[in-house]
Protein backbone atom coordinates (compact mmCIF):
# COMPACT_ATOMS: atom_id res chain seq x y z
CA UNK A 1 1.46 -13.81 44.40
CA UNK A 2 4.32 -14.36 42.67
CA UNK A 3 3.20 -13.67 39.50
CA UNK A 4 1.65 -10.39 41.24
CA UNK A 5 5.52 -9.58 42.64
CA UNK A 6 6.84 -10.02 39.06
CA UNK A 7 4.49 -7.83 37.75
CA UNK A 8 4.94 -5.07 40.26
CA UNK A 9 9.10 -5.15 39.40
CA UNK A 10 8.30 -5.33 35.71
CA UNK A 11 5.91 -2.40 35.70
CA UNK A 12 8.58 -0.34 38.22
CA UNK A 13 11.27 -0.98 35.54
CA UNK A 14 9.26 -0.16 32.72
CA UNK A 15 8.58 3.39 34.87
CA UNK A 16 12.31 3.90 35.13
CA UNK A 17 13.10 3.33 31.58
CA UNK A 18 10.24 5.99 30.41
CA UNK A 19 11.68 8.46 32.47
CA UNK A 20 14.83 8.16 30.98
CA UNK A 21 13.42 8.21 28.19
CA UNK A 22 11.40 11.25 28.41
CA UNK A 23 14.43 13.37 29.70
CA UNK A 24 16.42 12.11 26.48
CA UNK A 25 13.08 13.62 24.38
CA UNK A 26 13.93 17.14 26.17
CA UNK A 27 17.57 17.47 24.83
CA UNK A 28 17.97 19.50 21.69
CA UNK A 29 21.76 18.74 20.94
CA UNK A 30 21.78 15.72 18.94
CA UNK A 31 25.06 13.90 20.40
CA UNK A 32 23.61 14.56 23.75
CA UNK A 33 20.28 12.57 22.89
CA UNK A 34 22.08 9.79 21.52
CA UNK A 35 24.40 9.50 24.41
CA UNK A 36 21.14 9.63 26.83
CA UNK A 37 19.88 7.16 24.70
CA UNK A 38 22.84 4.88 24.65
CA UNK A 39 22.88 5.09 28.52
CA UNK A 40 19.01 4.04 28.80
CA UNK A 41 19.54 1.33 26.49
CA UNK A 42 23.17 -0.33 26.48
CA UNK A 43 24.07 -2.16 23.16
CA UNK A 44 24.50 -5.79 23.57
CA UNK A 45 27.76 -6.86 22.72
CA UNK A 46 27.77 -10.74 21.26
CA UNK A 47 30.40 -12.99 21.66
CA UNK A 48 32.23 -14.44 18.58
CA UNK A 49 30.30 -17.88 19.02
CA UNK A 50 26.93 -16.23 19.13
CA UNK A 51 27.78 -13.91 16.28
CA UNK A 52 28.68 -17.63 14.36
CA UNK A 53 25.50 -19.20 15.69
CA UNK A 54 23.39 -16.47 14.23
CA UNK A 55 25.01 -16.66 10.70
CA UNK A 56 24.92 -20.42 10.66
CA UNK A 57 21.27 -19.92 11.66
CA UNK A 58 20.38 -17.43 8.81
CA UNK A 59 22.61 -19.69 6.18
CA UNK A 60 20.48 -22.70 7.38
CA UNK A 61 16.90 -20.71 6.72
CA UNK A 62 17.87 -19.29 3.65
CA UNK A 63 18.93 -23.06 2.41
CA UNK A 64 15.40 -24.21 3.73
CA UNK A 65 13.57 -21.43 1.91
CA UNK A 66 15.45 -22.51 -1.25
CA UNK A 67 14.46 -25.74 -1.05
CA UNK A 68 11.14 -25.47 -0.16
CA UNK A 69 10.86 -22.85 -3.28
CA UNK A 70 12.52 -25.39 -5.63
CA UNK A 71 9.81 -28.11 -4.41
CA UNK A 72 7.16 -25.31 -4.93
CA UNK A 73 8.50 -25.04 -8.83
CA UNK A 74 9.48 -28.74 -9.69
CA UNK A 75 5.52 -29.04 -11.05
CA UNK A 76 5.54 -25.75 -12.86
CA UNK A 77 8.71 -25.70 -14.46
CA UNK A 78 9.92 -29.70 -15.39
CA UNK A 79 13.47 -28.97 -16.76
CA UNK A 80 14.69 -26.04 -14.34
C-alpha cells in the first residue's frame, strides 16, 4: 500500500514538471524559455564542503585509475 502511495506521488510530480516543460517549449524568445526552464529545474547550489568532497573524490578516482594502468603496464614495459 505504501509503495502505491509513493508511486502516485511520483507520477503527479512528474506530470506537473512535464506540464511546466511543455509550456517552456512553446516560448519563442530564448531568454524567456531559459527562465522558464530555470523555474522548472532550479539549480542545486553546493556548499564549499560538498565541492571539496567532490574534488577529493575525483582526485582519488584519478589516482586509482593511474595506479591500475601502471600495474597493467608493468609486464609490457619493465623500465617505465
